[in-house]
Amino acid sequence: MDKQQRATAYWKENIKYLFILLSIWFIVSYGCGILFKDELNAIKLGGFELGFWFAQQGSIYVFVILIFVYVRLMNKLDKKYGYDK
Protein backbone atom coordinates (compact mmCIF):
# COMPACT_ATOMS: atom_id res chain seq x y z
CA MET A 1 0.00 0.00 0.00
CA ASP A 2 1.54 3.31 -1.04
CA LYS A 3 1.53 6.50 1.01
CA GLN A 4 -1.55 8.05 -0.66
CA GLN A 5 -3.65 4.89 -0.32
CA ARG A 6 -2.61 4.54 3.33
CA ALA A 7 -3.55 8.16 4.04
CA THR A 8 -6.92 7.74 2.30
CA ALA A 9 -7.72 4.55 4.22
CA TYR A 10 -6.68 6.25 7.47
CA TRP A 11 -8.94 9.21 6.77
CA LYS A 12 -11.93 7.03 5.86
CA GLU A 13 -11.60 5.04 9.07
CA ASN A 14 -11.22 8.26 11.07
CA ILE A 15 -14.41 9.68 9.52
CA LYS A 16 -16.23 6.41 10.32
CA TYR A 17 -15.21 6.70 13.99
CA LEU A 18 -16.26 10.35 14.10
CA PHE A 19 -19.64 9.58 12.58
CA ILE A 20 -20.33 6.75 15.04
CA LEU A 21 -19.23 8.71 18.11
CA LEU A 22 -21.08 11.87 17.13
CA SER A 23 -24.19 9.81 16.40
CA ILE A 24 -24.01 8.35 19.91
CA TRP A 25 -23.63 11.84 21.35
CA PHE A 26 -26.57 13.13 19.30
CA ILE A 27 -28.80 10.25 20.40
CA VAL A 28 -27.89 10.79 24.05
CA SER A 29 -28.13 14.58 24.07
CA TYR A 30 -31.09 15.12 21.74
CA GLY A 31 -32.85 11.80 22.13
CA CYS A 32 -32.59 11.31 25.87
CA GLY A 33 -32.72 14.99 26.78
CA ILE A 34 -35.59 16.04 24.49
CA LEU A 35 -37.34 13.27 22.55
CA PHE A 36 -37.54 10.58 25.24
CA LYS A 37 -37.67 13.00 28.17
CA ASP A 38 -41.19 12.08 29.24
CA GLU A 39 -40.46 8.34 29.30
CA LEU A 40 -37.16 8.84 31.13
CA ASN A 41 -38.73 11.16 33.72
CA ALA A 42 -40.48 8.12 35.22
CA ILE A 43 -37.02 7.05 36.50
CA LYS A 44 -35.36 8.99 39.33
CA LEU A 45 -31.58 9.44 39.59
CA GLY A 46 -30.23 11.17 42.68
CA GLY A 47 -33.64 12.70 43.37
CA PHE A 48 -33.96 14.12 39.85
CA GLU A 49 -35.93 12.84 36.90
CA LEU A 50 -33.70 10.99 34.45
CA GLY A 51 -34.84 13.04 31.44
CA PHE A 52 -33.89 16.25 33.24
CA TRP A 53 -30.58 14.73 34.32
CA PHE A 54 -29.68 13.77 30.73
CA ALA A 55 -30.57 17.23 29.51
CA GLN A 56 -28.46 18.93 32.20
CA GLN A 57 -25.60 16.54 33.00
CA GLY A 58 -25.80 13.23 31.19
CA SER A 59 -24.99 14.46 27.72
CA ILE A 60 -21.92 16.29 29.05
CA TYR A 61 -20.67 13.14 30.80
CA VAL A 62 -21.25 11.07 27.68
CA PHE A 63 -19.38 13.66 25.59
CA VAL A 64 -16.35 13.51 27.90
CA ILE A 65 -16.39 9.70 27.83
CA LEU A 66 -16.60 9.79 24.03
CA ILE A 67 -13.51 12.03 23.93
CA PHE A 68 -11.53 9.37 25.79
CA VAL A 69 -12.92 6.65 23.52
CA TYR A 70 -11.93 8.70 20.47
CA VAL A 71 -8.39 9.18 21.79
CA ARG A 72 -8.04 5.44 22.34
CA LEU A 73 -9.43 4.63 18.89
CA MET A 74 -7.13 7.16 17.24
CA ASN A 75 -4.07 5.80 19.04
CA LYS A 76 -4.92 2.33 17.72
CA LEU A 77 -5.54 3.76 14.24
CA ASP A 78 -2.23 5.61 14.29
CA LYS A 79 -0.39 2.38 15.15
CA LYS A 80 -2.31 0.45 12.50
CA TYR A 81 -1.26 2.84 9.72
CA GLY A 82 2.20 3.67 11.05
CA TYR A 83 1.55 7.27 12.10
CA ASP A 84 2.48 6.71 15.74
CA LYS A 85 6.16 7.61 15.35
C-alpha atoms as a PDB file:
ATOM      1  CA  MET A   1       0.000   0.000   0.000  1.00  0.00           C
ATOM      2  CA  ASP A   2       1.544   3.313  -1.044  1.00  0.00           C
ATOM      3  CA  LYS A   3       1.535   6.501   1.009  1.00  0.00           C
ATOM      4  CA  GLN A   4      -1.547   8.049  -0.656  1.00  0.00           C
ATOM      5  CA  GLN A   5      -3.652   4.894  -0.316  1.00  0.00           C
ATOM      6  CA  ARG A   6      -2.614   4.544   3.331  1.00  0.00           C
ATOM      7  CA  ALA A   7      -3.555   8.156   4.037  1.00  0.00           C
ATOM      8  CA  THR A   8      -6.925   7.737   2.301  1.00  0.00           C
ATOM      9  CA  ALA A   9      -7.718   4.545   4.221  1.00  0.00           C
ATOM     10  CA  TYR A  10      -6.678   6.246   7.470  1.00  0.00           C
ATOM     11  CA  TRP A  11      -8.937   9.213   6.770  1.00  0.00           C
ATOM     12  CA  LYS A  12     -11.927   7.028   5.856  1.00  0.00           C
ATOM     13  CA  GLU A  13     -11.596   5.043   9.072  1.00  0.00           C
ATOM     14  CA  ASN A  14     -11.221   8.260  11.066  1.00  0.00           C
ATOM     15  CA  ILE A  15     -14.409   9.678   9.523  1.00  0.00           C
ATOM     16  CA  LYS A  16     -16.228   6.411  10.318  1.00  0.00           C
ATOM     17  CA  TYR A  17     -15.207   6.701  13.987  1.00  0.00           C
ATOM     18  CA  LEU A  18     -16.259  10.348  14.097  1.00  0.00           C
ATOM     19  CA  PHE A  19     -19.645   9.584  12.578  1.00  0.00           C
ATOM     20  CA  ILE A  20     -20.328   6.751  15.035  1.00  0.00           C
ATOM     21  CA  LEU A  21     -19.232   8.707  18.108  1.00  0.00           C
ATOM     22  CA  LEU A  22     -21.082  11.873  17.133  1.00  0.00           C
ATOM     23  CA  SER A  23     -24.192   9.811  16.404  1.00  0.00           C
ATOM     24  CA  ILE A  24     -24.008   8.354  19.911  1.00  0.00           C
ATOM     25  CA  TRP A  25     -23.626  11.840  21.354  1.00  0.00           C
ATOM     26  CA  PHE A  26     -26.574  13.127  19.305  1.00  0.00           C
ATOM     27  CA  ILE A  27     -28.796  10.254  20.404  1.00  0.00           C
ATOM     28  CA  VAL A  28     -27.892  10.793  24.053  1.00  0.00           C
ATOM     29  CA  SER A  29     -28.128  14.580  24.069  1.00  0.00           C
ATOM     30  CA  TYR A  30     -31.088  15.120  21.741  1.00  0.00           C
ATOM     31  CA  GLY A  31     -32.852  11.800  22.134  1.00  0.00           C
ATOM     32  CA  CYS A  32     -32.588  11.306  25.875  1.00  0.00           C
ATOM     33  CA  GLY A  33     -32.724  14.989  26.779  1.00  0.00           C
ATOM     34  CA  ILE A  34     -35.585  16.035  24.491  1.00  0.00           C
ATOM     35  CA  LEU A  35     -37.345  13.269  22.545  1.00  0.00           C
ATOM     36  CA  PHE A  36     -37.543  10.583  25.243  1.00  0.00           C
ATOM     37  CA  LYS A  37     -37.674  12.998  28.168  1.00  0.00           C
ATOM     38  CA  ASP A  38     -41.194  12.076  29.242  1.00  0.00           C
ATOM     39  CA  GLU A  39     -40.463   8.340  29.303  1.00  0.00           C
ATOM     40  CA  LEU A  40     -37.164   8.843  31.129  1.00  0.00           C
ATOM     41  CA  ASN A  41     -38.726  11.157  33.717  1.00  0.00           C
ATOM     42  CA  ALA A  42     -40.478   8.124  35.217  1.00  0.00           C
ATOM     43  CA  ILE A  43     -37.024   7.052  36.499  1.00  0.00           C
ATOM     44  CA  LYS A  44     -35.358   8.994  39.331  1.00  0.00           C
ATOM     45  CA  LEU A  45     -31.578   9.440  39.590  1.00  0.00           C
ATOM     46  CA  GLY A  46     -30.234  11.167  42.683  1.00  0.00           C
ATOM     47  CA  GLY A  47     -33.638  12.698  43.369  1.00  0.00           C
ATOM     48  CA  PHE A  48     -33.956  14.123  39.852  1.00  0.00           C
ATOM     49  CA  GLU A  49     -35.932  12.844  36.904  1.00  0.00           C
ATOM     50  CA  LEU A  50     -33.699  10.987  34.448  1.00  0.00           C
ATOM     51  CA  GLY A  51     -34.839  13.041  31.437  1.00  0.00           C
ATOM     52  CA  PHE A  52     -33.894  16.248  33.242  1.00  0.00           C
ATOM     53  CA  TRP A  53     -30.578  14.731  34.324  1.00  0.00           C
ATOM     54  CA  PHE A  54     -29.678  13.768  30.727  1.00  0.00           C
ATOM     55  CA  ALA A  55     -30.570  17.235  29.510  1.00  0.00           C
ATOM     56  CA  GLN A  56     -28.459  18.926  32.199  1.00  0.00           C
ATOM     57  CA  GLN A  57     -25.599  16.543  33.003  1.00  0.00           C
ATOM     58  CA  GLY A  58     -25.798  13.229  31.185  1.00  0.00           C
ATOM     59  CA  SER A  59     -24.985  14.457  27.717  1.00  0.00           C
ATOM     60  CA  ILE A  60     -21.916  16.292  29.052  1.00  0.00           C
ATOM     61  CA  TYR A  61     -20.666  13.143  30.801  1.00  0.00           C
ATOM     62  CA  VAL A  62     -21.251  11.075  27.683  1.00  0.00           C
ATOM     63  CA  PHE A  63     -19.382  13.655  25.587  1.00  0.00           C
ATOM     64  CA  VAL A  64     -16.352  13.510  27.899  1.00  0.00           C
ATOM     65  CA  ILE A  65     -16.395   9.700  27.832  1.00  0.00           C
ATOM     66  CA  LEU A  66     -16.597   9.786  24.030  1.00  0.00           C
ATOM     67  CA  ILE A  67     -13.512  12.027  23.934  1.00  0.00           C
ATOM     68  CA  PHE A  68     -11.527   9.373  25.792  1.00  0.00           C
ATOM     69  CA  VAL A  69     -12.923   6.650  23.522  1.00  0.00           C
ATOM     70  CA  TYR A  70     -11.926   8.705  20.467  1.00  0.00           C
ATOM     71  CA  VAL A  71      -8.385   9.183  21.788  1.00  0.00           C
ATOM     72  CA  ARG A  72      -8.035   5.443  22.341  1.00  0.00           C
ATOM     73  CA  LEU A  73      -9.431   4.630  18.893  1.00  0.00           C
ATOM     74  CA  MET A  74      -7.129   7.156  17.237  1.00  0.00           C
ATOM     75  CA  ASN A  75      -4.068   5.796  19.039  1.00  0.00           C
ATOM     76  CA  LYS A  76      -4.923   2.332  17.716  1.00  0.00           C
ATOM     77  CA  LEU A  77      -5.543   3.755  14.243  1.00  0.00           C
ATOM     78  CA  ASP A  78      -2.227   5.612  14.286  1.00  0.00           C
ATOM     79  CA  LYS A  79      -0.395   2.384  15.155  1.00  0.00           C
ATOM     80  CA  LYS A  80      -2.307   0.451  12.504  1.00  0.00           C
ATOM     81  CA  TYR A  81      -1.264   2.839   9.721  1.00  0.00           C
ATOM     82  CA  GLY A  82       2.199   3.668  11.054  1.00  0.00           C
ATOM     83  CA  TYR A  83       1.547   7.271  12.103  1.00  0.00           C
ATOM     84  CA  ASP A  84       2.481   6.714  15.739  1.00  0.00           C
ATOM     85  CA  LYS A  85       6.156   7.613  15.355  1.00  0.00           C
END
